[in-house]
């Protein structure tokens, strides 16, 4: 297949391109570092004919979305419109990476029918991206796969995120964190890549939504404890007990839909995944 990957030099994109090329696919890369800007139609209008597009390019760091909301909406919404419009013109299928979009859950585990709730500008921009996918199917018949990944982690992740921050601090001999309570459903990057590979063999009916997660949640304190086991030395740990307003204390997904329809399930446990991050 000929596959366009936006955000091809990012945390997920770089590994995805490498994997897809190894499987024999022809990759067309779109990335800011290559001189492209997904906000501009010029980055898409001259693409050669392609079969699939995986749209990863986005602004993603949640705290920054409160500081620069306009930039988040502009990149994440306009970029998605440009990307799926290119799919319309090429009669191609679209893989859209959304995000955890459920806010404080009404029930656990969370399935794809759970109501979506915007709880920051980043999540709102992704929910709007999902709506764009649905509109392009309703109006133009463009089929898409919408992934809602929970907490992705892996080697070379931005150190602003929790797991790389914990590992980096642990290597320095002490860890300071605000809150040890929140539990999240962590999913290793290799499992995310495998989900994309499986999706290429799936024929979406419309704009099909899939949770990507492990199906197990772990607290911040769990992650610290697992990290200390791996580093095997005395580490000072300090929790500041600073709690964010309206903090979501637990998120865990049901992934039966991806198992049934994509023939996908995660293979990397949290402990094995953390080991690969060192």
C-alpha atoms as a PDB file:
ATOM      1  CA  UNK A   1       0.000   0.000   0.000  1.00  0.00           C
ATOM      2  CA  UNK A   2       0.935   3.634  -0.395  1.00  0.00           C
ATOM      3  CA  UNK A   3       0.404   5.260   3.005  1.00  0.00           C
ATOM      4  CA  UNK A   4       0.662   8.918   4.008  1.00  0.00           C
ATOM      5  CA  UNK A   5       1.784   9.500   7.606  1.00  0.00           C
ATOM      6  CA  UNK A   6       1.426  12.984   9.067  1.00  0.00           C
ATOM      7  CA  UNK A   7       3.595  13.737  12.071  1.00  0.00           C
ATOM      8  CA  UNK A   8       6.022  11.187  10.661  1.00  0.00           C
ATOM      9  CA  UNK A   9       8.968  12.348  12.781  1.00  0.00           C
ATOM     10  CA  UNK A  10       7.081  12.358  16.064  1.00  0.00           C
ATOM     11  CA  UNK A  11       7.015   9.911  18.953  1.00  0.00           C
ATOM     12  CA  UNK A  12       4.555   7.530  17.268  1.00  0.00           C
ATOM     13  CA  UNK A  13       5.132   8.528  13.655  1.00  0.00           C
ATOM     14  CA  UNK A  14       8.814   7.697  13.495  1.00  0.00           C
ATOM     15  CA  UNK A  15       8.330   4.136  14.752  1.00  0.00           C
ATOM     16  CA  UNK A  16       5.193   3.661  12.662  1.00  0.00           C
ATOM     17  CA  UNK A  17       6.980   4.636   9.437  1.00  0.00           C
ATOM     18  CA  UNK A  18       9.840   2.270  10.209  1.00  0.00           C
ATOM     19  CA  UNK A  19       7.435  -0.608  10.876  1.00  0.00           C
ATOM     20  CA  UNK A  20       5.288   0.013   7.792  1.00  0.00           C
ATOM     21  CA  UNK A  21       8.343   0.255   5.538  1.00  0.00           C
ATOM     22  CA  UNK A  22       9.640  -3.046   6.923  1.00  0.00           C
ATOM     23  CA  UNK A  23       6.291  -4.596   5.964  1.00  0.00           C
ATOM     24  CA  UNK A  24       6.760  -3.431   2.379  1.00  0.00           C
ATOM     25  CA  UNK A  25       4.479  -0.397   2.327  1.00  0.00           C
ATOM     26  CA  UNK A  26       5.451   2.796   0.519  1.00  0.00           C
ATOM     27  CA  UNK A  27       5.425   5.730   2.936  1.00  0.00           C
ATOM     28  CA  UNK A  28       4.837   9.390   2.148  1.00  0.00           C
ATOM     29  CA  UNK A  29       5.895  11.545   5.083  1.00  0.00           C
ATOM     30  CA  UNK A  30       4.378  14.845   6.174  1.00  0.00           C
ATOM     31  CA  UNK A  31       6.081  16.541   9.104  1.00  0.00           C
ATOM     32  CA  UNK A  32       6.875  20.041  10.317  1.00  0.00           C
ATOM     33  CA  UNK A  33      10.569  19.142  10.440  1.00  0.00           C
ATOM     34  CA  UNK A  34      10.433  18.327   6.716  1.00  0.00           C
ATOM     35  CA  UNK A  35       9.059  21.752   5.859  1.00  0.00           C
ATOM     36  CA  UNK A  36       5.376  20.832   5.931  1.00  0.00           C
ATOM     37  CA  UNK A  37       2.590  22.442   7.926  1.00  0.00           C
ATOM     38  CA  UNK A  38      -0.686  20.538   8.223  1.00  0.00           C
ATOM     39  CA  UNK A  39      -2.516  23.833   8.721  1.00  0.00           C
ATOM     40  CA  UNK A  40      -1.698  24.684   5.094  1.00  0.00           C
ATOM     41  CA  UNK A  41      -3.407  22.959   2.163  1.00  0.00           C
ATOM     42  CA  UNK A  42      -0.158  23.245   0.204  1.00  0.00           C
ATOM     43  CA  UNK A  43       1.227  20.372   2.308  1.00  0.00           C
ATOM     44  CA  UNK A  44      -1.451  18.053   0.877  1.00  0.00           C
ATOM     45  CA  UNK A  45      -2.585  19.305  -2.517  1.00  0.00           C
ATOM     46  CA  UNK A  46       0.227  17.768  -4.587  1.00  0.00           C
ATOM     47  CA  UNK A  47       0.326  14.349  -2.921  1.00  0.00           C
ATOM     48  CA  UNK A  48       0.554  11.391  -5.308  1.00  0.00           C
ATOM     49  CA  UNK A  49      -2.299   8.891  -5.313  1.00  0.00           C
ATOM     50  CA  UNK A  50      -2.368   6.960  -2.015  1.00  0.00           C
ATOM     51  CA  UNK A  51      -4.451   4.287  -0.279  1.00  0.00           C
ATOM     52  CA  UNK A  52      -4.414   5.246   3.403  1.00  0.00           C
ATOM     53  CA  UNK A  53      -3.524   8.214   5.547  1.00  0.00           C
ATOM     54  CA  UNK A  54      -2.565   7.964   9.232  1.00  0.00           C
ATOM     55  CA  UNK A  55      -3.051  11.405  10.752  1.00  0.00           C
ATOM     56  CA  UNK A  56      -0.806  11.850  13.785  1.00  0.00           C
ATOM     57  CA  UNK A  57       0.287  15.478  13.414  1.00  0.00           C
ATOM     58  CA  UNK A  58      -1.162  17.480  16.299  1.00  0.00           C
ATOM     59  CA  UNK A  59      -0.425  19.600  19.297  1.00  0.00           C
ATOM     60  CA  UNK A  60      -0.767  17.221  22.239  1.00  0.00           C
ATOM     61  CA  UNK A  61       0.570  18.533  25.582  1.00  0.00           C
ATOM     62  CA  UNK A  62      -2.548  19.226  27.644  1.00  0.00           C
ATOM     63  CA  UNK A  63      -1.204  21.978  29.974  1.00  0.00           C
ATOM     64  CA  UNK A  64       0.000  23.910  26.938  1.00  0.00           C
ATOM     65  CA  UNK A  65      -3.507  23.790  25.471  1.00  0.00           C
ATOM     66  CA  UNK A  66      -4.639  26.153  28.230  1.00  0.00           C
ATOM     67  CA  UNK A  67      -1.802  28.557  27.433  1.00  0.00           C
ATOM     68  CA  UNK A  68      -2.179  28.456  23.638  1.00  0.00           C
ATOM     69  CA  UNK A  69      -5.756  27.389  22.868  1.00  0.00           C
ATOM     70  CA  UNK A  70      -5.860  29.123  19.485  1.00  0.00           C
ATOM     71  CA  UNK A  71      -2.780  27.225  18.305  1.00  0.00           C
ATOM     72  CA  UNK A  72      -4.257  23.912  19.449  1.00  0.00           C
ATOM     73  CA  UNK A  73      -7.560  24.475  17.690  1.00  0.00           C
ATOM     74  CA  UNK A  74      -5.882  25.778  14.559  1.00  0.00           C
ATOM     75  CA  UNK A  75      -3.435  22.886  14.207  1.00  0.00           C
ATOM     76  CA  UNK A  76      -5.671  20.067  15.374  1.00  0.00           C
ATOM     77  CA  UNK A  77      -8.848  21.083  13.560  1.00  0.00           C
ATOM     78  CA  UNK A  78      -7.562  22.687  10.368  1.00  0.00           C
ATOM     79  CA  UNK A  79      -4.906  19.980  10.064  1.00  0.00           C
ATOM     80  CA  UNK A  80      -7.577  17.291  10.285  1.00  0.00           C
ATOM     81  CA  UNK A  81      -9.763  19.023   7.693  1.00  0.00           C
ATOM     82  CA  UNK A  82      -6.847  19.239   5.263  1.00  0.00           C
ATOM     83  CA  UNK A  83      -5.840  15.629   5.883  1.00  0.00           C
ATOM     84  CA  UNK A  84      -9.272  14.093   5.392  1.00  0.00           C
ATOM     85  CA  UNK A  85      -9.955  16.343   2.388  1.00  0.00           C
ATOM     86  CA  UNK A  86      -6.865  14.831   0.757  1.00  0.00           C
ATOM     87  CA  UNK A  87      -8.369  11.403   1.460  1.00  0.00           C
ATOM     88  CA  UNK A  88     -11.627  12.469  -0.175  1.00  0.00           C
ATOM     89  CA  UNK A  89      -9.821  13.588  -3.309  1.00  0.00           C
ATOM     90  CA  UNK A  90      -7.795  10.360  -3.466  1.00  0.00           C
ATOM     91  CA  UNK A  91     -10.627   7.986  -2.516  1.00  0.00           C
ATOM     92  CA  UNK A  92      -8.425   6.863   0.385  1.00  0.00           C
ATOM     93  CA  UNK A  93      -9.204   5.650   3.887  1.00  0.00           C
ATOM     94  CA  UNK A  94      -8.341   7.748   6.930  1.00  0.00           C
ATOM     95  CA  UNK A  95      -6.895   6.727  10.304  1.00  0.00           C
ATOM     96  CA  UNK A  96      -7.435   9.511  12.837  1.00  0.00           C
ATOM     97  CA  UNK A  97      -5.675   9.521  16.186  1.00  0.00           C
ATOM     98  CA  UNK A  98      -8.079  11.116  18.622  1.00  0.00           C
ATOM     99  CA  UNK A  99      -7.418  10.885  22.371  1.00  0.00           C
ATOM    100  CA  UNK A 100      -8.941   9.833  25.653  1.00  0.00           C
ATOM    101  CA  UNK A 101     -12.193  11.754  25.289  1.00  0.00           C
ATOM    102  CA  UNK A 102     -14.352  10.592  28.188  1.00  0.00           C
ATOM    103  CA  UNK A 103     -13.579  13.030  31.007  1.00  0.00           C
ATOM    104  CA  UNK A 104     -14.574  11.796  34.463  1.00  0.00           C
ATOM    105  CA  UNK A 105     -16.105   8.435  33.549  1.00  0.00           C
ATOM    106  CA  UNK A 106     -19.716   7.601  34.310  1.00  0.00           C
ATOM    107  CA  UNK A 107     -18.771   3.925  34.576  1.00  0.00           C
ATOM    108  CA  UNK A 108     -15.772   1.596  34.358  1.00  0.00           C
ATOM    109  CA  UNK A 109     -14.462   0.040  32.241  1.00  0.00           C
ATOM    110  CA  UNK A 110     -15.046   2.632  29.539  1.00  0.00           C
ATOM    111  CA  UNK A 111     -16.376   1.421  26.195  1.00  0.00           C
ATOM    112  CA  UNK A 112     -16.683   3.339  22.933  1.00  0.00           C
ATOM    113  CA  UNK A 113     -20.345   4.140  23.627  1.00  0.00           C
ATOM    114  CA  UNK A 114     -19.456   6.130  26.745  1.00  0.00           C
ATOM    115  CA  UNK A 115     -20.412   9.817  26.330  1.00  0.00           C
ATOM    116  CA  UNK A 116     -17.518  12.027  25.262  1.00  0.00           C
ATOM    117  CA  UNK A 117     -16.747  14.975  27.525  1.00  0.00           C
ATOM    118  CA  UNK A 118     -14.412  17.827  26.787  1.00  0.00           C
ATOM    119  CA  UNK A 119     -12.257  18.657  29.795  1.00  0.00           C
ATOM    120  CA  UNK A 120      -9.503  20.763  28.195  1.00  0.00           C
ATOM    121  CA  UNK A 121      -8.876  22.527  24.864  1.00  0.00           C
ATOM    122  CA  UNK A 122      -6.793  19.593  23.630  1.00  0.00           C
ATOM    123  CA  UNK A 123      -9.540  17.023  24.170  1.00  0.00           C
ATOM    124  CA  UNK A 124     -12.125  19.383  22.675  1.00  0.00           C
ATOM    125  CA  UNK A 125     -10.007  19.794  19.540  1.00  0.00           C
ATOM    126  CA  UNK A 126      -9.812  16.009  19.198  1.00  0.00           C
ATOM    127  CA  UNK A 127     -13.546  15.533  19.712  1.00  0.00           C
ATOM    128  CA  UNK A 128     -14.113  18.134  17.000  1.00  0.00           C
ATOM    129  CA  UNK A 129     -11.723  16.142  14.812  1.00  0.00           C
ATOM    130  CA  UNK A 130     -13.903  13.065  15.320  1.00  0.00           C
ATOM    131  CA  UNK A 131     -16.927  15.110  14.265  1.00  0.00           C
ATOM    132  CA  UNK A 132     -15.091  16.117  11.082  1.00  0.00           C
ATOM    133  CA  UNK A 133     -14.487  12.431  10.304  1.00  0.00           C
ATOM    134  CA  UNK A 134     -18.173  11.660  10.819  1.00  0.00           C
ATOM    135  CA  UNK A 135     -19.207  14.588   8.624  1.00  0.00           C
ATOM    136  CA  UNK A 136     -16.890  13.519   5.815  1.00  0.00           C
ATOM    137  CA  UNK A 137     -18.442  10.066   5.848  1.00  0.00           C
ATOM    138  CA  UNK A 138     -22.011  11.395   5.966  1.00  0.00           C
ATOM    139  CA  UNK A 139     -21.418  13.942   3.203  1.00  0.00           C
ATOM    140  CA  UNK A 140     -18.777  12.305   1.001  1.00  0.00           C
ATOM    141  CA  UNK A 141     -18.517   8.638   1.990  1.00  0.00           C
ATOM    142  CA  UNK A 142     -14.943   8.932   3.290  1.00  0.00           C
ATOM    143  CA  UNK A 143     -14.386   5.974   5.605  1.00  0.00           C
ATOM    144  CA  UNK A 144     -12.230   6.392   8.670  1.00  0.00           C
ATOM    145  CA  UNK A 145     -10.912   4.573  11.691  1.00  0.00           C
ATOM    146  CA  UNK A 146     -10.886   6.711  14.817  1.00  0.00           C
ATOM    147  CA  UNK A 147      -8.498   5.578  17.523  1.00  0.00           C
ATOM    148  CA  UNK A 148      -9.011   6.748  21.090  1.00  0.00           C
ATOM    149  CA  UNK A 149      -5.703   5.861  22.728  1.00  0.00           C
ATOM    150  CA  UNK A 150      -5.479   6.061  26.483  1.00  0.00           C
ATOM    151  CA  UNK A 151      -2.069   6.856  28.040  1.00  0.00           C
ATOM    152  CA  UNK A 152       0.643   5.978  25.521  1.00  0.00           C
ATOM    153  CA  UNK A 153       4.232   5.583  26.718  1.00  0.00           C
ATOM    154  CA  UNK A 154       7.523   4.298  25.365  1.00  0.00           C
ATOM    155  CA  UNK A 155      11.193   5.074  24.691  1.00  0.00           C
ATOM    156  CA  UNK A 156      12.050   8.601  23.517  1.00  0.00           C
ATOM    157  CA  UNK A 157       8.779  10.102  24.709  1.00  0.00           C
ATOM    158  CA  UNK A 158       8.742  13.794  25.627  1.00  0.00           C
ATOM    159  CA  UNK A 159       9.976  14.127  29.219  1.00  0.00           C
ATOM    160  CA  UNK A 160       7.025  16.384  30.072  1.00  0.00           C
ATOM    161  CA  UNK A 161       4.839  13.267  30.259  1.00  0.00           C
ATOM    162  CA  UNK A 162       4.543  11.261  33.470  1.00  0.00           C
ATOM    163  CA  UNK A 163       6.429   8.026  32.786  1.00  0.00           C
ATOM    164  CA  UNK A 164       9.520   9.559  31.123  1.00  0.00           C
ATOM    165  CA  UNK A 165       9.564  12.182  33.879  1.00  0.00           C
ATOM    166  CA  UNK A 166       9.544   9.493  36.576  1.00  0.00           C
ATOM    167  CA  UNK A 167      12.309   7.529  34.851  1.00  0.00           C
ATOM    168  CA  UNK A 168      14.464  10.611  34.337  1.00  0.00           C
ATOM    169  CA  UNK A 169      14.057  11.656  37.973  1.00  0.00           C
ATOM    170  CA  UNK A 170      14.759   8.116  39.181  1.00  0.00           C
ATOM    171  CA  UNK A 171      18.062   8.091  37.313  1.00  0.00           C
ATOM    172  CA  UNK A 172      18.992  11.240  39.236  1.00  0.00           C
ATOM    173  CA  UNK A 173      18.257   9.538  42.566  1.00  0.00           C
ATOM    174  CA  UNK A 174      15.045  11.252  43.694  1.00  0.00           C
ATOM    175  CA  UNK A 175      11.466  11.638  42.497  1.00  0.00           C
ATOM    176  CA  UNK A 176       9.091  14.509  43.268  1.00  0.00           C
ATOM    177  CA  UNK A 177       5.486  14.326  42.072  1.00  0.00           C
ATOM    178  CA  UNK A 178       2.343  16.240  42.871  1.00  0.00           C
ATOM    179  CA  UNK A 179      -0.190  13.448  43.380  1.00  0.00           C
ATOM    180  CA  UNK A 180       0.213   9.704  43.832  1.00  0.00           C
ATOM    181  CA  UNK A 181      -3.471   8.824  43.460  1.00  0.00           C
ATOM    182  CA  UNK A 182      -4.613   9.089  39.816  1.00  0.00           C
ATOM    183  CA  UNK A 183      -4.893   5.764  38.005  1.00  0.00           C
ATOM    184  CA  UNK A 184      -4.508   5.545  34.258  1.00  0.00           C
ATOM    185  CA  UNK A 185      -4.670   2.852  31.601  1.00  0.00           C
ATOM    186  CA  UNK A 186      -1.160   2.825  30.089  1.00  0.00           C
ATOM    187  CA  UNK A 187      -0.483   1.372  26.646  1.00  0.00           C
ATOM    188  CA  UNK A 188       3.003   0.756  25.229  1.00  0.00           C
ATOM    189  CA  UNK A 189       3.908   2.312  21.888  1.00  0.00           C
ATOM    190  CA  UNK A 190       4.614  -1.056  20.205  1.00  0.00           C
ATOM    191  CA  UNK A 191       1.016  -2.080  20.854  1.00  0.00           C
ATOM    192  CA  UNK A 192      -0.208   1.188  19.329  1.00  0.00           C
ATOM    193  CA  UNK A 193       1.866   0.531  16.198  1.00  0.00           C
ATOM    194  CA  UNK A 194       0.450  -2.987  15.951  1.00  0.00           C
ATOM    195  CA  UNK A 195      -3.079  -1.585  16.125  1.00  0.00           C
ATOM    196  CA  UNK A 196      -2.392   0.601  13.086  1.00  0.00           C
ATOM    197  CA  UNK A 197      -0.958  -2.375  11.197  1.00  0.00           C
ATOM    198  CA  UNK A 198      -4.064  -4.427  11.983  1.00  0.00           C
ATOM    199  CA  UNK A 199      -6.322  -1.536  10.976  1.00  0.00           C
ATOM    200  CA  UNK A 200      -4.919  -1.574   7.449  1.00  0.00           C
ATOM    201  CA  UNK A 201      -6.573  -4.964   6.965  1.00  0.00           C
ATOM    202  CA  UNK A 202      -9.940  -3.778   8.280  1.00  0.00           C
ATOM    203  CA  UNK A 203     -12.728  -2.348   6.141  1.00  0.00           C
ATOM    204  CA  UNK A 204     -14.453   0.392   8.157  1.00  0.00           C
ATOM    205  CA  UNK A 205     -18.200   0.723   7.759  1.00  0.00           C
ATOM    206  CA  UNK A 206     -18.271   4.480   8.364  1.00  0.00           C
ATOM    207  CA  UNK A 207     -16.287   6.332  11.023  1.00  0.00           C
ATOM    208  CA  UNK A 208     -15.448   3.410  13.273  1.00  0.00           C
ATOM    209  CA  UNK A 209     -14.192   4.180  16.784  1.00  0.00           C
ATOM    210  CA  UNK A 210     -11.805   1.979  18.779  1.00  0.00           C
ATOM    211  CA  UNK A 211     -10.330   2.327  22.249  1.00  0.00           C
ATOM    212  CA  UNK A 212      -6.624   1.509  22.391  1.00  0.00           C
ATOM    213  CA  UNK A 213      -5.546   0.616  25.904  1.00  0.00           C
ATOM    214  CA  UNK A 214      -4.314  -2.238  28.061  1.00  0.00           C
ATOM    215  CA  UNK A 215      -7.542  -2.821  29.953  1.00  0.00           C
ATOM    216  CA  UNK A 216      -5.751  -2.356  33.297  1.00  0.00           C
ATOM    217  CA  UNK A 217      -5.198   0.843  35.273  1.00  0.00           C
ATOM    218  CA  UNK A 218      -2.207   1.720  37.451  1.00  0.00           C
ATOM    219  CA  UNK A 219      -1.754   4.579  39.894  1.00  0.00           C
ATOM    220  CA  UNK A 220       1.098   7.076  39.840  1.00  0.00           C
ATOM    221  CA  UNK A 221       2.435   5.332  42.927  1.00  0.00           C
ATOM    222  CA  UNK A 222       2.333   1.973  41.110  1.00  0.00           C
ATOM    223  CA  UNK A 223       4.457   3.405  38.289  1.00  0.00           C
ATOM    224  CA  UNK A 224       6.963   4.771  40.793  1.00  0.00           C
ATOM    225  CA  UNK A 225       7.141   1.410  42.588  1.00  0.00           C
ATOM    226  CA  UNK A 226       7.667  -0.502  39.326  1.00  0.00           C
ATOM    227  CA  UNK A 227      10.381   1.958  38.304  1.00  0.00           C
ATOM    228  CA  UNK A 228      12.179   1.544  41.628  1.00  0.00           C
ATOM    229  CA  UNK A 229      12.161  -2.228  41.143  1.00  0.00           C
ATOM    230  CA  UNK A 230      13.849  -1.798  37.768  1.00  0.00           C
ATOM    231  CA  UNK A 231      16.449   0.732  38.815  1.00  0.00           C
ATOM    232  CA  UNK A 232      17.357  -1.357  41.886  1.00  0.00           C
ATOM    233  CA  UNK A 233      18.746   1.388  44.071  1.00  0.00           C
ATOM    234  CA  UNK A 234      17.564   3.613  46.897  1.00  0.00           C
ATOM    235  CA  UNK A 235      15.471   6.502  45.619  1.00  0.00           C
ATOM    236  CA  UNK A 236      13.900   9.309  47.623  1.00  0.00           C
ATOM    237  CA  UNK A 237      10.246   9.767  46.675  1.00  0.00           C
ATOM    238  CA  UNK A 238       8.305  12.882  47.630  1.00  0.00           C
ATOM    239  CA  UNK A 239       4.605  13.411  46.930  1.00  0.00           C
ATOM    240  CA  UNK A 240       3.525  17.028  47.337  1.00  0.00           C
ATOM    241  CA  UNK A 241      -0.162  16.127  47.738  1.00  0.00           C
ATOM    242  CA  UNK A 242      -1.125  18.849  45.290  1.00  0.00           C
ATOM    243  CA  UNK A 243      -4.416  17.807  43.737  1.00  0.00           C
ATOM    244  CA  UNK A 244      -5.688  19.260  40.469  1.00  0.00           C
ATOM    245  CA  UNK A 245      -9.279  20.542  40.581  1.00  0.00           C
ATOM    246  CA  UNK A 246     -11.698  17.947  39.209  1.00  0.00           C
ATOM    247  CA  UNK A 247      -8.919  15.363  38.900  1.00  0.00           C
ATOM    248  CA  UNK A 248     -10.052  12.132  37.235  1.00  0.00           C
ATOM    249  CA  UNK A 249      -9.000   9.436  39.686  1.00  0.00           C
ATOM    250  CA  UNK A 250      -9.384   6.352  37.513  1.00  0.00           C
ATOM    251  CA  UNK A 251      -9.629   5.521  33.826  1.00  0.00           C
ATOM    252  CA  UNK A 252      -9.645   2.020  32.421  1.00  0.00           C
ATOM    253  CA  UNK A 253     -10.904   0.898  29.030  1.00  0.00           C
ATOM    254  CA  UNK A 254     -12.646  -2.095  27.629  1.00  0.00           C
ATOM    255  CA  UNK A 255     -10.873  -3.090  24.420  1.00  0.00           C
ATOM    256  CA  UNK A 256     -13.164  -5.890  23.276  1.00  0.00           C
ATOM    257  CA  UNK A 257     -14.177  -4.025  20.104  1.00  0.00           C
ATOM    258  CA  UNK A 258     -10.572  -3.787  18.874  1.00  0.00           C
ATOM    259  CA  UNK A 259     -10.017  -7.426  19.816  1.00  0.00           C
ATOM    260  CA  UNK A 260     -13.092  -8.583  17.919  1.00  0.00           C
ATOM    261  CA  UNK A 261     -12.903  -6.423  14.786  1.00  0.00           C
ATOM    262  CA  UNK A 262      -9.199  -5.648  14.381  1.00  0.00           C
ATOM    263  CA  UNK A 263      -7.882  -8.915  15.818  1.00  0.00           C
ATOM    264  CA  UNK A 264      -5.684  -6.771  18.055  1.00  0.00           C
ATOM    265  CA  UNK A 265      -4.778  -6.893  21.690  1.00  0.00           C
ATOM    266  CA  UNK A 266      -1.877  -5.466  23.693  1.00  0.00           C
ATOM    267  CA  UNK A 267       1.107  -7.719  24.259  1.00  0.00           C
ATOM    268  CA  UNK A 268       3.437  -5.601  26.423  1.00  0.00           C
ATOM    269  CA  UNK A 269       2.809  -5.528  30.180  1.00  0.00           C
ATOM    270  CA  UNK A 270       3.443  -2.347  32.134  1.00  0.00           C
ATOM    271  CA  UNK A 271       6.573  -3.795  33.759  1.00  0.00           C
ATOM    272  CA  UNK A 272       8.009  -5.008  30.456  1.00  0.00           C
ATOM    273  CA  UNK A 273       7.161  -1.692  28.834  1.00  0.00           C
ATOM    274  CA  UNK A 274       8.889   0.291  31.563  1.00  0.00           C
ATOM    275  CA  UNK A 275      11.958  -1.911  31.187  1.00  0.00           C
ATOM    276  CA  UNK A 276      12.102  -1.022  27.486  1.00  0.00           C
ATOM    277  CA  UNK A 277      12.073   2.687  28.398  1.00  0.00           C
ATOM    278  CA  UNK A 278      15.415   2.522  30.218  1.00  0.00           C
END
